[in-house]
Structure formats: structure tokens, C-alpha cells
């Protein structure tokens, strides 16, 4: 109905899909991206309290070492950030996690599997 086809054509398309659904799913699975998987996270807080030119200056920075694994090959990514950007990154990831837990995304994921 969404595409504007008549009912007979919709039934034929659905029957064709039912016949080839396993092949379509296997093809989609082979085309999927193999992304790195999270394994560990190390972090360290550093703070510069002052310098020769500016006394009583505090510049905090956070060093993150992210361990990931892709096809059993480990990799390490190092990121240095300030607290404001880290808070923004955390909020963005929490929003994405909440979105993936929504009913709409669950229905789509069920359809893909």
C-alpha cells in the first residue's frame, strides 16, 4: 500500500519475497559491516595546575585508551579530551543507547535478523 501498487501486485511481491526470504537474509548478512568490538577502556585524569606565565590556572584533561577487537585482531585507540567534550560524548552515546532500545529500533532489528 505504501508504494501505491494495486492489491494483486502487492500479493505477488509478497509471495516472491516469501519464496526468497532466506536467500535475501543471507545476502544482507554477507553485506553487513564487520565493525570493531569494545573489549576494555583505560582512563587517566591529568591536570596542569599552573605555568610560569599563568599562576592558579587549572587545565584538566582526560586520556582514554580504548581497546577494541576486529576479527580477533586487537587494536588500541588513544584519545585525549577535556571534561566538557567527554560529557558531550557521554550524553551522545547515552542518547544512542536509548534510541537502540526503543520499540521502533527493536522491530527493525527483529526484521533484519
Protein backbone atom coordinates (compact mmCIF):
# COMPACT_ATOMS: atom_id res chain seq x y z
CA UNK A 1 0.00 0.00 0.00
CA UNK A 2 2.89 2.35 0.74
CA UNK A 3 4.30 2.15 -2.78
CA UNK A 4 0.93 2.68 -4.42
CA UNK A 5 0.75 -0.69 -6.19
CA UNK A 6 -2.57 -2.42 -6.62
CA UNK A 7 -3.54 -5.30 -4.31
CA UNK A 8 -2.78 -8.06 -6.82
CA UNK A 9 0.78 -6.81 -7.42
CA UNK A 10 1.33 -6.47 -3.65
CA UNK A 11 0.30 -10.13 -3.18
CA UNK A 12 2.68 -11.24 -5.95
CA UNK A 13 5.55 -9.25 -4.48
CA UNK A 14 4.86 -10.68 -1.04
CA UNK A 15 4.77 -14.24 -2.40
CA UNK A 16 8.06 -13.64 -4.22
CA UNK A 17 9.58 -12.29 -1.03
CA UNK A 18 8.37 -15.32 0.96
CA UNK A 19 9.93 -17.70 -1.59
CA UNK A 20 13.33 -15.96 -1.47
CA UNK A 21 13.40 -14.65 2.11
CA UNK A 22 16.20 -16.98 3.29
CA UNK A 23 18.39 -16.03 0.34
CA UNK A 24 17.66 -12.32 0.86
CA UNK A 25 18.58 -12.58 4.55
CA UNK A 26 21.84 -14.45 3.83
CA UNK A 27 22.76 -11.84 1.20
CA UNK A 28 22.08 -8.99 3.63
CA UNK A 29 24.14 -10.72 6.33
CA UNK A 30 27.09 -11.12 3.95
CA UNK A 31 26.91 -7.41 3.08
CA UNK A 32 26.91 -6.28 6.71
CA UNK A 33 29.84 -4.33 8.12
CA UNK A 34 32.22 -6.07 10.49
CA UNK A 35 32.93 -3.32 12.98
CA UNK A 36 35.44 -3.44 15.86
CA UNK A 37 34.09 -4.66 19.19
CA UNK A 38 34.84 -2.98 22.51
CA UNK A 39 36.98 -5.03 24.91
CA UNK A 40 38.41 -2.64 27.52
CA UNK A 41 38.80 1.03 28.46
CA UNK A 42 41.59 2.61 30.50
CA UNK A 43 41.49 6.24 31.57
CA UNK A 44 43.71 8.75 33.34
CA UNK A 45 42.95 12.25 34.61
CA UNK A 46 45.69 14.83 34.17
CA UNK A 47 45.58 18.42 35.42
CA UNK A 48 48.00 21.26 34.83
CA UNK A 49 47.74 23.46 37.91
CA UNK A 50 49.79 26.43 36.74
CA UNK A 51 52.51 27.56 34.40
CA UNK A 52 55.20 30.21 34.52
CA UNK A 53 53.03 32.73 32.73
CA UNK A 54 49.69 31.95 34.37
CA UNK A 55 49.53 31.05 38.03
CA UNK A 56 46.48 29.36 39.53
CA UNK A 57 45.40 28.03 36.18
CA UNK A 58 43.75 24.61 36.05
CA UNK A 59 43.58 22.73 32.75
CA UNK A 60 42.17 19.24 33.27
CA UNK A 61 42.43 16.67 30.50
CA UNK A 62 41.38 13.06 30.32
CA UNK A 63 43.37 10.43 28.48
CA UNK A 64 41.33 7.45 27.26
CA UNK A 65 42.83 4.25 25.90
CA UNK A 66 40.17 2.20 24.11
CA UNK A 67 40.92 -1.45 23.41
CA UNK A 68 38.94 -2.97 20.54
CA UNK A 69 39.00 -6.19 18.59
CA UNK A 70 38.14 -6.76 14.93
CA UNK A 71 38.21 -10.31 13.55
CA UNK A 72 40.32 -11.43 16.55
CA UNK A 73 42.92 -8.72 15.85
CA UNK A 74 43.31 -6.39 18.85
CA UNK A 75 43.75 -2.65 18.36
CA UNK A 76 44.29 0.26 20.75
CA UNK A 77 43.00 3.79 20.19
CA UNK A 78 44.19 6.67 22.38
CA UNK A 79 42.03 9.76 22.82
CA UNK A 80 42.78 12.89 24.82
CA UNK A 81 39.90 15.20 25.65
CA UNK A 82 38.75 17.84 28.09
CA UNK A 83 35.87 17.22 30.53
CA UNK A 84 33.33 19.27 28.53
CA UNK A 85 33.84 17.21 25.37
CA UNK A 86 33.81 13.99 27.40
CA UNK A 87 30.43 14.94 28.90
CA UNK A 88 29.09 15.71 25.41
CA UNK A 89 30.41 12.36 24.12
CA UNK A 90 28.84 10.53 27.07
CA UNK A 91 25.48 12.23 26.50
CA UNK A 92 25.56 11.38 22.78
CA UNK A 93 26.33 7.72 23.50
CA UNK A 94 23.58 7.52 26.13
CA UNK A 95 21.10 9.02 23.64
CA UNK A 96 22.14 6.48 21.00
CA UNK A 97 21.79 3.64 23.51
CA UNK A 98 18.31 4.83 24.50
CA UNK A 99 17.36 5.04 20.81
CA UNK A 100 18.51 1.50 20.06
CA UNK A 101 16.38 0.26 22.98
CA UNK A 102 13.25 1.90 21.58
CA UNK A 103 10.40 -0.21 20.22
CA UNK A 104 10.88 1.13 16.69
CA UNK A 105 14.53 0.02 16.55
CA UNK A 106 13.72 -3.32 18.13
CA UNK A 107 11.17 -4.02 15.39
CA UNK A 108 13.72 -3.11 12.71
CA UNK A 109 16.42 -5.29 14.32
CA UNK A 110 13.99 -8.21 14.58
CA UNK A 111 13.23 -7.81 10.88
CA UNK A 112 16.93 -7.81 9.96
CA UNK A 113 17.74 -10.95 11.96
